[in-house]
N, C-alpha and C. Protein backbone atom coordinates (compact mmCIF):
# COMPACT_ATOMS: atom_id res chain seq x y z
N MET A 1 31.44 -165.10 -42.95
CA MET A 1 31.16 -164.93 -41.98
C MET A 1 30.97 -166.63 -41.00
N GLY A 2 31.41 -166.44 -39.65
CA GLY A 2 31.35 -167.64 -39.17
C GLY A 2 30.50 -167.24 -37.52
N SER A 3 30.23 -167.95 -37.10
CA SER A 3 29.69 -167.55 -35.48
C SER A 3 30.40 -168.55 -34.64
N ASN A 4 30.78 -167.83 -33.65
CA ASN A 4 31.43 -168.18 -32.92
C ASN A 4 30.70 -168.00 -31.14
N THR A 5 31.27 -169.15 -30.58
CA THR A 5 30.15 -169.35 -29.45
C THR A 5 31.39 -168.84 -28.04
N VAL A 6 31.02 -168.21 -27.03
CA VAL A 6 32.13 -167.56 -25.83
C VAL A 6 31.34 -167.87 -24.42
N PHE A 7 32.02 -168.71 -23.67
CA PHE A 7 31.77 -168.76 -22.64
C PHE A 7 32.73 -167.81 -21.53
N SER A 8 31.99 -167.10 -20.15
CA SER A 8 32.89 -166.14 -20.20
C SER A 8 33.54 -167.13 -19.03
N GLN A 9 32.88 -168.29 -18.29
CA GLN A 9 32.94 -168.43 -16.53
C GLN A 9 32.93 -169.98 -17.10
N LYS A 10 33.55 -170.28 -16.33
CA LYS A 10 33.17 -171.94 -16.43
C LYS A 10 32.63 -172.28 -15.31
N LYS A 11 31.60 -172.92 -14.87
CA LYS A 11 30.48 -173.64 -13.78
C LYS A 11 31.34 -174.35 -12.93
N THR A 12 31.42 -173.96 -11.42
CA THR A 12 32.17 -174.85 -10.42
C THR A 12 31.12 -175.32 -9.35
N ASP A 13 30.95 -176.11 -8.81
CA ASP A 13 29.93 -176.89 -7.77
C ASP A 13 30.76 -176.74 -6.16
N THR A 14 32.19 -176.32 -6.40
CA THR A 14 32.38 -175.94 -5.27
C THR A 14 32.17 -174.47 -4.49
N PRO A 15 32.03 -174.55 -3.14
CA PRO A 15 32.07 -173.43 -2.41
C PRO A 15 32.66 -172.74 -2.58
N LEU A 16 32.48 -171.15 -2.98
CA LEU A 16 33.69 -170.17 -2.60
C LEU A 16 33.92 -169.78 -0.66
N ILE A 17 34.87 -169.58 -0.57
CA ILE A 17 34.95 -169.19 1.00
C ILE A 17 35.89 -167.79 0.53
N THR A 18 35.14 -166.89 0.99
CA THR A 18 36.01 -165.57 1.71
C THR A 18 36.85 -165.28 2.44
N LYS A 19 37.77 -165.09 2.97
CA LYS A 19 38.57 -164.76 4.05
C LYS A 19 38.20 -163.31 4.63
N ASP A 20 38.46 -162.86 5.45
CA ASP A 20 37.74 -162.00 6.11
C ASP A 20 39.28 -160.68 6.55
N THR A 21 39.55 -159.80 5.73
CA THR A 21 40.73 -159.34 5.45
C THR A 21 40.79 -158.10 6.58
N LEU A 22 39.18 -157.89 7.35
CA LEU A 22 39.48 -156.76 8.18
C LEU A 22 40.18 -157.30 8.98
N LYS A 23 40.47 -156.19 10.01
CA LYS A 23 41.21 -156.38 11.28
C LYS A 23 40.10 -155.57 12.17
N SER A 24 40.15 -156.83 13.25
CA SER A 24 39.16 -156.58 14.62
C SER A 24 39.84 -155.43 15.56
N ASN A 25 39.66 -154.47 15.61
CA ASN A 25 40.31 -153.52 16.59
C ASN A 25 39.14 -154.06 17.80
N ASN A 26 39.90 -153.97 19.00
CA ASN A 26 39.31 -154.30 20.37
C ASN A 26 39.07 -153.00 21.28
N ILE A 27 37.81 -152.58 20.61
CA ILE A 27 37.46 -151.30 21.02
C ILE A 27 36.54 -151.66 22.32
N ASP A 28 36.56 -150.65 23.58
CA ASP A 28 35.84 -150.72 24.84
C ASP A 28 35.11 -149.62 24.71
N PRO A 29 33.62 -150.14 24.79
CA PRO A 29 32.86 -148.52 25.10
C PRO A 29 32.70 -148.03 25.70
N LEU A 30 33.16 -149.08 26.94
CA LEU A 30 33.45 -147.88 28.46
C LEU A 30 34.05 -147.21 28.65
N THR A 31 35.36 -147.17 27.90
CA THR A 31 36.40 -146.56 28.40
C THR A 31 36.49 -144.97 28.55
N PRO A 32 35.98 -144.53 27.84
CA PRO A 32 35.61 -142.78 28.12
C PRO A 32 34.91 -142.77 29.21
N ALA A 33 33.57 -143.86 29.88
CA ALA A 33 33.04 -143.67 30.54
C ALA A 33 34.01 -143.56 31.85
N LYS A 34 34.89 -144.88 31.72
CA LYS A 34 35.89 -144.87 33.08
C LYS A 34 37.21 -143.86 33.41
N ALA A 35 37.71 -143.14 32.26
CA ALA A 35 38.27 -142.33 32.32
C ALA A 35 37.42 -140.73 32.95
N ALA A 36 36.24 -140.59 32.64
CA ALA A 36 35.77 -139.46 32.81
C ALA A 36 35.15 -139.87 34.33
N PHE A 37 35.07 -140.99 35.12
CA PHE A 37 34.75 -141.23 36.44
C PHE A 37 35.84 -141.05 36.93
N TYR A 38 37.09 -141.58 37.00
CA TYR A 38 38.04 -141.33 37.59
C TYR A 38 38.74 -140.29 37.48
N SER A 39 38.50 -139.28 36.72
CA SER A 39 39.00 -137.81 36.61
C SER A 39 37.34 -137.02 37.72
N ALA A 40 36.78 -137.83 38.11
CA ALA A 40 35.93 -137.09 38.75
C ALA A 40 35.77 -137.27 39.81
N ILE A 41 36.56 -138.50 40.30
CA ILE A 41 37.00 -138.83 41.74
C ILE A 41 38.62 -138.18 42.38
N LEU A 42 39.36 -138.15 41.63
CA LEU A 42 40.61 -137.70 41.71
C LEU A 42 41.06 -136.68 40.31
N PRO A 43 40.97 -135.21 40.63
CA PRO A 43 41.41 -134.96 39.09
C PRO A 43 42.80 -135.21 38.60
N GLY A 44 42.92 -135.91 37.25
CA GLY A 44 44.17 -135.61 36.88
C GLY A 44 43.94 -137.01 36.52
N LEU A 45 43.53 -138.40 37.50
CA LEU A 45 43.11 -139.56 37.36
C LEU A 45 42.89 -140.40 35.78
N GLY A 46 42.07 -139.01 35.41
CA GLY A 46 41.55 -139.69 34.31
C GLY A 46 42.31 -139.97 33.17
N GLN A 47 43.76 -138.39 33.15
CA GLN A 47 44.59 -138.38 32.47
C GLN A 47 45.87 -139.47 32.72
N ALA A 48 45.85 -139.89 33.86
CA ALA A 48 46.68 -140.69 34.13
C ALA A 48 46.27 -142.40 33.49
N TYR A 49 45.12 -142.53 32.88
CA TYR A 49 44.41 -143.71 32.76
C TYR A 49 44.33 -143.92 31.46
N ASN A 50 44.43 -142.30 30.91
CA ASN A 50 44.76 -142.80 29.22
C ASN A 50 46.27 -142.29 28.76
N LYS A 51 46.77 -142.62 29.76
CA LYS A 51 48.10 -142.48 29.93
C LYS A 51 48.49 -141.14 28.83
N LYS A 52 48.10 -140.09 29.54
CA LYS A 52 48.52 -138.61 28.71
C LYS A 52 49.22 -137.79 30.15
N TYR A 53 50.23 -138.36 31.17
CA TYR A 53 50.39 -138.04 31.62
C TYR A 53 51.69 -136.17 31.98
N TRP A 54 51.62 -135.50 30.53
CA TRP A 54 52.04 -134.49 30.72
C TRP A 54 50.68 -133.76 31.25
N LYS A 55 49.38 -134.25 30.92
CA LYS A 55 48.28 -133.22 31.24
C LYS A 55 48.13 -133.15 32.97
N ILE A 56 48.67 -133.91 33.50
CA ILE A 56 48.59 -133.93 35.19
C ILE A 56 48.55 -132.36 35.77
N PRO A 57 49.73 -131.98 35.81
CA PRO A 57 50.30 -131.07 36.33
C PRO A 57 49.60 -129.82 35.65
N LEU A 58 49.35 -129.50 34.23
CA LEU A 58 48.25 -128.92 33.94
C LEU A 58 46.53 -128.69 34.68
N VAL A 59 46.21 -129.66 34.59
CA VAL A 59 44.98 -129.85 35.48
C VAL A 59 44.97 -129.38 36.97
N TYR A 60 46.16 -129.72 37.52
CA TYR A 60 46.72 -129.52 39.25
C TYR A 60 46.87 -128.05 39.01
N GLY A 61 47.78 -127.66 38.01
CA GLY A 61 47.96 -125.96 37.90
C GLY A 61 46.69 -125.34 37.57
N ALA A 62 46.03 -125.26 37.02
CA ALA A 62 44.50 -124.63 36.96
C ALA A 62 43.87 -124.81 38.02
N ILE A 63 43.79 -125.77 38.82
CA ILE A 63 42.74 -125.97 40.04
C ILE A 63 43.09 -125.50 41.09
N GLY A 64 44.40 -125.53 41.23
CA GLY A 64 45.56 -124.57 42.33
C GLY A 64 45.43 -123.79 42.77
N THR A 65 45.81 -122.75 41.13
CA THR A 65 45.76 -121.13 40.86
C THR A 65 44.94 -121.05 41.38
N SER A 66 43.31 -121.21 41.06
CA SER A 66 41.97 -120.78 41.16
C SER A 66 41.64 -121.02 42.78
N MET A 67 41.86 -122.25 43.21
CA MET A 67 41.83 -122.66 44.60
C MET A 67 42.33 -121.68 45.64
N TYR A 68 44.04 -121.07 45.13
CA TYR A 68 44.71 -120.00 45.98
C TYR A 68 43.71 -118.35 45.82
N PHE A 69 43.33 -118.27 44.63
CA PHE A 69 43.05 -117.40 44.41
C PHE A 69 41.38 -117.05 45.33
N TYR A 70 41.07 -118.16 45.11
CA TYR A 70 39.47 -117.93 46.13
C TYR A 70 39.88 -118.09 47.50
N LEU A 71 40.59 -118.91 47.89
CA LEU A 71 41.21 -118.47 49.60
C LEU A 71 41.73 -117.32 49.86
N ASP A 72 42.64 -116.72 48.88
CA ASP A 72 42.96 -115.33 49.05
C ASP A 72 42.14 -114.08 49.18
N SER A 73 41.07 -114.47 48.61
CA SER A 73 39.94 -113.02 48.43
C SER A 73 39.05 -114.01 49.40
N GLN A 74 38.86 -114.77 49.57
CA GLN A 74 37.88 -115.22 51.06
C GLN A 74 38.47 -114.51 52.22
N LYS A 75 39.96 -114.60 52.23
CA LYS A 75 40.56 -114.24 53.66
C LYS A 75 40.68 -112.33 53.66
N SER A 76 40.56 -111.79 52.79
CA SER A 76 40.83 -110.48 52.49
C SER A 76 39.76 -110.21 52.25
N TYR A 77 38.20 -110.52 52.07
CA TYR A 77 37.00 -109.98 52.44
C TYR A 77 36.57 -110.26 53.48
N ASN A 78 37.26 -111.50 54.09
CA ASN A 78 36.35 -111.49 55.95
C ASN A 78 37.17 -110.20 56.53
N GLN A 79 39.11 -109.85 55.91
CA GLN A 79 39.21 -109.07 56.83
C GLN A 79 38.58 -107.35 57.02
N TYR A 80 38.24 -107.40 55.47
CA TYR A 80 37.61 -106.04 55.41
C TYR A 80 35.82 -106.07 55.99
N ARG A 81 34.99 -107.01 56.11
CA ARG A 81 34.23 -107.12 56.48
C ARG A 81 34.51 -106.74 57.92
N ASP A 82 35.10 -108.18 58.72
CA ASP A 82 35.19 -107.77 60.35
C ASP A 82 35.58 -106.49 60.47
N GLU A 83 36.13 -105.99 59.69
CA GLU A 83 36.55 -104.29 60.69
C GLU A 83 35.86 -103.37 60.29
N TYR A 84 35.01 -103.63 59.36
CA TYR A 84 33.59 -102.86 59.36
C TYR A 84 32.68 -102.98 60.47
N LYS A 85 32.30 -104.27 60.47
CA LYS A 85 31.53 -104.94 61.57
C LYS A 85 31.97 -104.33 62.97
N ARG A 86 33.55 -104.04 63.06
CA ARG A 86 33.77 -103.50 64.45
C ARG A 86 33.91 -102.41 64.55
N ARG A 87 33.83 -101.34 63.26
CA ARG A 87 33.08 -99.90 63.15
C ARG A 87 31.43 -99.65 63.77
N LEU A 88 30.71 -100.89 63.33
CA LEU A 88 29.60 -100.19 63.82
C LEU A 88 28.98 -100.65 64.89
N GLU A 89 29.88 -101.60 65.66
CA GLU A 89 29.59 -101.55 67.03
C GLU A 89 29.98 -100.68 68.09
N GLY A 90 31.00 -99.91 67.06
CA GLY A 90 31.43 -99.16 68.34
C GLY A 90 33.01 -99.38 68.48
N PHE A 91 33.60 -100.19 68.64
CA PHE A 91 35.15 -100.68 68.96
C PHE A 91 35.94 -99.59 68.02
N GLU A 92 37.26 -99.36 68.85
CA GLU A 92 37.99 -98.72 67.70
C GLU A 92 38.49 -99.37 66.64
N ARG A 93 38.85 -98.52 65.66
CA ARG A 93 39.61 -98.89 64.51
C ARG A 93 41.06 -100.20 64.59
N GLY A 94 40.64 -101.13 64.00
CA GLY A 94 42.32 -101.84 63.93
C GLY A 94 43.29 -100.90 63.11
N GLU A 95 44.36 -101.62 63.91
CA GLU A 95 45.52 -100.66 63.17
C GLU A 95 46.01 -100.97 61.80
N GLU A 96 45.85 -102.21 61.15
CA GLU A 96 46.28 -101.95 60.18
C GLU A 96 44.93 -101.33 59.01
N LEU A 97 43.84 -101.11 59.23
CA LEU A 97 42.98 -100.62 58.27
C LEU A 97 42.32 -99.47 58.79
N LYS A 98 43.25 -98.89 59.79
CA LYS A 98 42.97 -97.54 60.46
C LYS A 98 42.55 -96.74 59.13
N LYS A 99 43.75 -96.20 58.64
CA LYS A 99 43.44 -95.11 57.71
C LYS A 99 42.22 -95.19 56.69
N TYR A 100 41.60 -96.68 56.28
CA TYR A 100 40.54 -96.65 55.24
C TYR A 100 38.77 -95.99 55.93
N ASP A 101 38.07 -95.51 55.45
CA ASP A 101 36.93 -95.25 55.80
C ASP A 101 35.73 -96.04 55.59
N ASP A 102 34.70 -95.95 55.59
CA ASP A 102 33.63 -96.93 55.67
C ASP A 102 33.11 -96.98 54.52
N ALA A 103 33.30 -96.24 53.71
CA ALA A 103 32.84 -96.22 52.23
C ALA A 103 33.97 -97.17 51.58
N THR A 104 34.91 -97.06 51.95
CA THR A 104 36.04 -97.64 51.12
C THR A 104 35.90 -99.28 51.73
N LEU A 105 35.80 -99.22 53.08
CA LEU A 105 36.16 -101.19 53.83
C LEU A 105 34.45 -101.42 52.45
N ILE A 106 33.31 -101.13 52.94
CA ILE A 106 32.17 -101.60 51.75
C ILE A 106 32.75 -101.81 50.28
N SER A 107 33.32 -100.79 49.52
CA SER A 107 33.78 -101.06 48.48
C SER A 107 34.70 -102.17 47.94
N ALA A 108 35.88 -102.18 49.13
CA ALA A 108 36.68 -103.38 49.13
C ALA A 108 36.13 -105.05 49.16
N GLN A 109 35.02 -105.11 50.57
CA GLN A 109 34.27 -106.00 50.35
C GLN A 109 33.49 -106.73 49.30
N LYS A 110 33.08 -105.80 48.25
CA LYS A 110 31.98 -106.53 47.19
C LYS A 110 33.25 -106.53 46.63
N PHE A 111 34.92 -106.13 45.96
CA PHE A 111 35.45 -106.16 45.88
C PHE A 111 35.98 -107.92 45.65
N TYR A 112 36.75 -108.02 46.66
CA TYR A 112 36.64 -109.15 47.07
C TYR A 112 35.76 -110.47 46.93
N GLN A 113 34.41 -110.35 47.22
CA GLN A 113 33.44 -110.82 46.97
C GLN A 113 32.89 -111.42 45.68
N ARG A 114 33.44 -110.32 44.89
CA ARG A 114 33.25 -111.00 43.42
C ARG A 114 34.55 -111.78 42.77
N ASN A 115 35.88 -110.87 43.87
CA ASN A 115 36.75 -112.48 43.04
C ASN A 115 36.68 -113.46 43.68
N ARG A 116 35.97 -113.77 44.82
CA ARG A 116 36.40 -114.97 45.76
C ARG A 116 34.88 -115.80 44.34
N ASP A 117 33.93 -115.34 44.08
CA ASP A 117 33.02 -115.81 43.65
C ASP A 117 33.08 -116.35 42.28
N LEU A 118 33.92 -115.50 41.57
CA LEU A 118 34.70 -115.84 40.13
C LEU A 118 35.69 -116.93 40.04
N SER A 119 36.31 -116.66 41.56
CA SER A 119 37.53 -117.90 41.43
C SER A 119 36.66 -119.14 41.40
N ALA A 120 35.60 -119.22 42.38
CA ALA A 120 34.75 -120.33 42.86
C ALA A 120 34.35 -120.63 41.49
N LEU A 121 33.94 -120.27 40.64
CA LEU A 121 33.17 -120.27 39.50
C LEU A 121 34.93 -121.41 38.09
N PHE A 122 35.75 -120.89 38.41
CA PHE A 122 36.85 -121.11 37.93
C PHE A 122 37.79 -122.20 38.45
N VAL A 123 37.23 -122.89 39.77
CA VAL A 123 37.22 -123.90 40.38
C VAL A 123 36.73 -125.37 39.69
N VAL A 124 35.48 -125.08 40.09
CA VAL A 124 34.67 -125.64 39.12
C VAL A 124 34.39 -125.39 37.67
N GLY A 125 35.00 -124.85 37.12
CA GLY A 125 34.96 -125.26 35.54
C GLY A 125 36.22 -125.86 35.02
N PHE A 126 37.41 -125.55 35.50
CA PHE A 126 38.12 -126.51 35.19
C PHE A 126 38.25 -128.05 36.23
N TYR A 127 37.64 -128.41 36.91
CA TYR A 127 37.55 -129.68 37.54
C TYR A 127 36.43 -130.16 36.49
N VAL A 128 35.33 -129.47 35.58
CA VAL A 128 34.23 -129.94 34.67
C VAL A 128 34.88 -130.05 33.32
N LEU A 129 36.16 -129.17 33.57
CA LEU A 129 36.95 -129.82 31.97
C LEU A 129 38.09 -130.97 32.53
N ASN A 130 38.07 -130.82 33.21
CA ASN A 130 39.60 -131.77 33.41
C ASN A 130 38.57 -133.31 33.08
N ILE A 131 37.31 -133.20 33.35
CA ILE A 131 36.37 -134.53 33.34
C ILE A 131 36.00 -134.87 32.09
N ILE A 132 35.80 -133.59 31.20
CA ILE A 132 35.41 -134.00 30.05
C ILE A 132 36.50 -133.86 29.17
N ASP A 133 37.90 -133.66 29.31
CA ASP A 133 38.87 -133.82 28.99
C ASP A 133 39.57 -135.18 28.68
N ALA A 134 39.44 -135.63 29.81
CA ALA A 134 39.85 -137.29 29.75
C ALA A 134 38.70 -137.95 29.31
N ASN A 135 37.27 -137.67 29.00
CA ASN A 135 36.52 -138.16 28.57
C ASN A 135 36.68 -138.52 26.79
N VAL A 136 37.09 -136.99 26.37
CA VAL A 136 37.02 -136.80 25.07
C VAL A 136 38.44 -137.56 24.20
N ASP A 137 39.60 -137.60 25.32
CA ASP A 137 40.59 -138.14 25.09
C ASP A 137 40.68 -139.72 25.04
N ALA A 138 39.83 -140.53 26.23
CA ALA A 138 39.77 -142.18 25.81
C ALA A 138 39.01 -142.06 24.18
N ALA A 139 38.08 -141.63 24.41
CA ALA A 139 37.56 -141.38 23.14
C ALA A 139 37.83 -141.72 22.04
N LEU A 140 38.37 -140.59 21.80
CA LEU A 140 39.32 -140.21 20.46
C LEU A 140 40.93 -141.23 20.24
N THR A 141 41.67 -141.88 21.16
CA THR A 141 42.49 -142.59 21.06
C THR A 141 41.95 -143.82 20.64
N GLN A 142 40.28 -144.54 20.48
CA GLN A 142 39.82 -145.48 19.72
C GLN A 142 39.56 -145.71 17.98
N PHE A 143 40.08 -144.27 17.84
CA PHE A 143 39.65 -143.92 16.01
C PHE A 143 40.98 -144.56 15.26
N ASN A 144 40.61 -145.35 14.13
CA ASN A 144 41.54 -145.95 13.62
C ASN A 144 42.44 -145.23 12.58
N ILE A 145 44.04 -144.50 13.02
CA ILE A 145 44.29 -143.70 12.41
C ILE A 145 45.65 -144.32 11.70
N ASN A 146 45.43 -144.99 10.16
CA ASN A 146 46.54 -144.89 9.43
C ASN A 146 46.62 -144.44 7.79
N ASP A 147 47.60 -145.42 7.40
CA ASP A 147 47.53 -144.81 5.95
C ASP A 147 46.21 -144.85 4.88
N ASP A 148 45.74 -145.88 5.56
CA ASP A 148 44.81 -146.48 4.27
C ASP A 148 43.49 -145.67 4.27
N LEU A 149 43.47 -144.15 5.29
CA LEU A 149 42.52 -142.97 4.78
C LEU A 149 43.46 -142.25 5.07
N SER A 150 43.15 -141.24 3.72
CA SER A 150 44.34 -140.27 3.78
C SER A 150 43.41 -138.67 3.57
N PHE A 151 43.59 -137.67 3.70
CA PHE A 151 43.34 -136.53 3.03
C PHE A 151 44.33 -135.56 2.96
N LYS A 152 44.23 -135.10 1.36
CA LYS A 152 45.46 -134.79 0.89
C LYS A 152 45.12 -133.77 0.20
N PRO A 153 45.28 -132.27 0.19
CA PRO A 153 45.08 -131.02 -0.48
C PRO A 153 46.30 -131.01 -1.45
N ASN A 154 45.57 -130.60 -2.86
CA ASN A 154 46.43 -131.08 -3.81
C ASN A 154 46.52 -129.34 -4.73
N VAL A 155 47.18 -129.24 -5.27
CA VAL A 155 47.36 -128.09 -6.07
C VAL A 155 47.77 -128.46 -7.81
N TYR A 156 46.80 -128.16 -8.70
CA TYR A 156 47.64 -129.07 -10.29
C TYR A 156 47.07 -127.82 -11.20
N ARG A 157 47.90 -128.19 -12.33
CA ARG A 157 47.68 -127.17 -13.27
C ARG A 157 46.80 -127.77 -14.47
N ASN A 158 45.73 -126.65 -14.44
CA ASN A 158 44.82 -126.75 -15.77
C ASN A 158 45.88 -126.75 -17.15
N ASP A 159 45.37 -128.24 -17.89
CA ASP A 159 46.21 -128.43 -19.34
C ASP A 159 45.43 -127.78 -19.87
N VAL A 160 44.20 -127.01 -20.15
CA VAL A 160 43.31 -126.14 -20.91
C VAL A 160 43.69 -124.52 -21.33
N THR A 161 43.37 -124.22 -19.54
CA THR A 161 44.10 -122.31 -19.47
C THR A 161 44.80 -121.97 -19.02
N LEU A 162 45.96 -123.21 -18.28
CA LEU A 162 47.11 -122.89 -17.49
C LEU A 162 47.47 -122.55 -16.36
N LYS A 163 46.56 -122.24 -15.92
CA LYS A 163 45.81 -121.69 -14.30
C LYS A 163 46.02 -123.22 -13.18
N SER A 164 46.42 -122.70 -12.18
CA SER A 164 46.82 -123.22 -10.74
C SER A 164 45.61 -123.70 -10.64
N ASN A 165 45.32 -124.92 -10.39
CA ASN A 165 43.55 -125.21 -9.17
C ASN A 165 43.72 -125.60 -8.66
N VAL A 166 43.39 -125.38 -7.30
CA VAL A 166 43.02 -126.22 -6.01
C VAL A 166 42.29 -127.26 -5.75
N GLY A 167 42.55 -128.52 -5.67
CA GLY A 167 41.85 -130.00 -5.64
C GLY A 167 41.95 -130.15 -4.28
N LEU A 168 41.11 -131.48 -4.24
CA LEU A 168 41.16 -132.30 -2.56
C LEU A 168 41.10 -133.63 -3.15
N ILE A 169 41.87 -133.68 -2.87
CA ILE A 169 41.82 -135.94 -3.03
C ILE A 169 41.41 -136.51 -1.28
N ILE A 170 40.44 -137.60 -1.61
CA ILE A 170 40.30 -138.21 -0.56
C ILE A 170 40.04 -139.44 -1.00
N ASN A 171 40.58 -140.45 -0.28
CA ASN A 171 41.11 -141.67 -0.35
C ASN A 171 41.31 -142.55 0.84
N TYR A 172 40.13 -144.03 0.36
CA TYR A 172 40.14 -144.78 1.43
C TYR A 172 40.37 -145.74 0.94
N SER A 173 41.41 -146.86 1.29
CA SER A 173 41.88 -148.15 0.51
C SER A 173 41.70 -149.09 1.03
N PHE A 174 40.59 -150.18 0.75
CA PHE A 174 40.08 -151.56 1.14
C PHE A 174 40.85 -152.44 1.39
């Protein structure tokens, strides 16, 4: 038997300098706030700021349709309300609403008032949804999406039981 001495590392006096391999992404934390502000000023402007131009017709279509139904319901409500007021004051019945009795006019007023109020809620809802969409879209565009981060479901065969198993592989490459 003999004895051997083994040294694993050689001592050096030079300092080690590591190179930074991470790429810095220019992330602007104010981008979501800017997009939301632009959409609050003019609906669809935040979507244009995010370069999602295909969403602008959807924003104006939703808000415009709701506004149309609001204005149409308001017009019909005023028409039935004015006719009912005229009858209470003792004037002759109008030509176009002559066939309706007072109970029908009251019912029509309630119907159009409810539709008007719901349409107003939809206008406000779509306006707020426009702002939220611009904000979230601007925030999500700053996420790093590349092949180094992957999420892949996998089906593999168990060697012992020869049954198929479902697995999940999560890889992050540095």
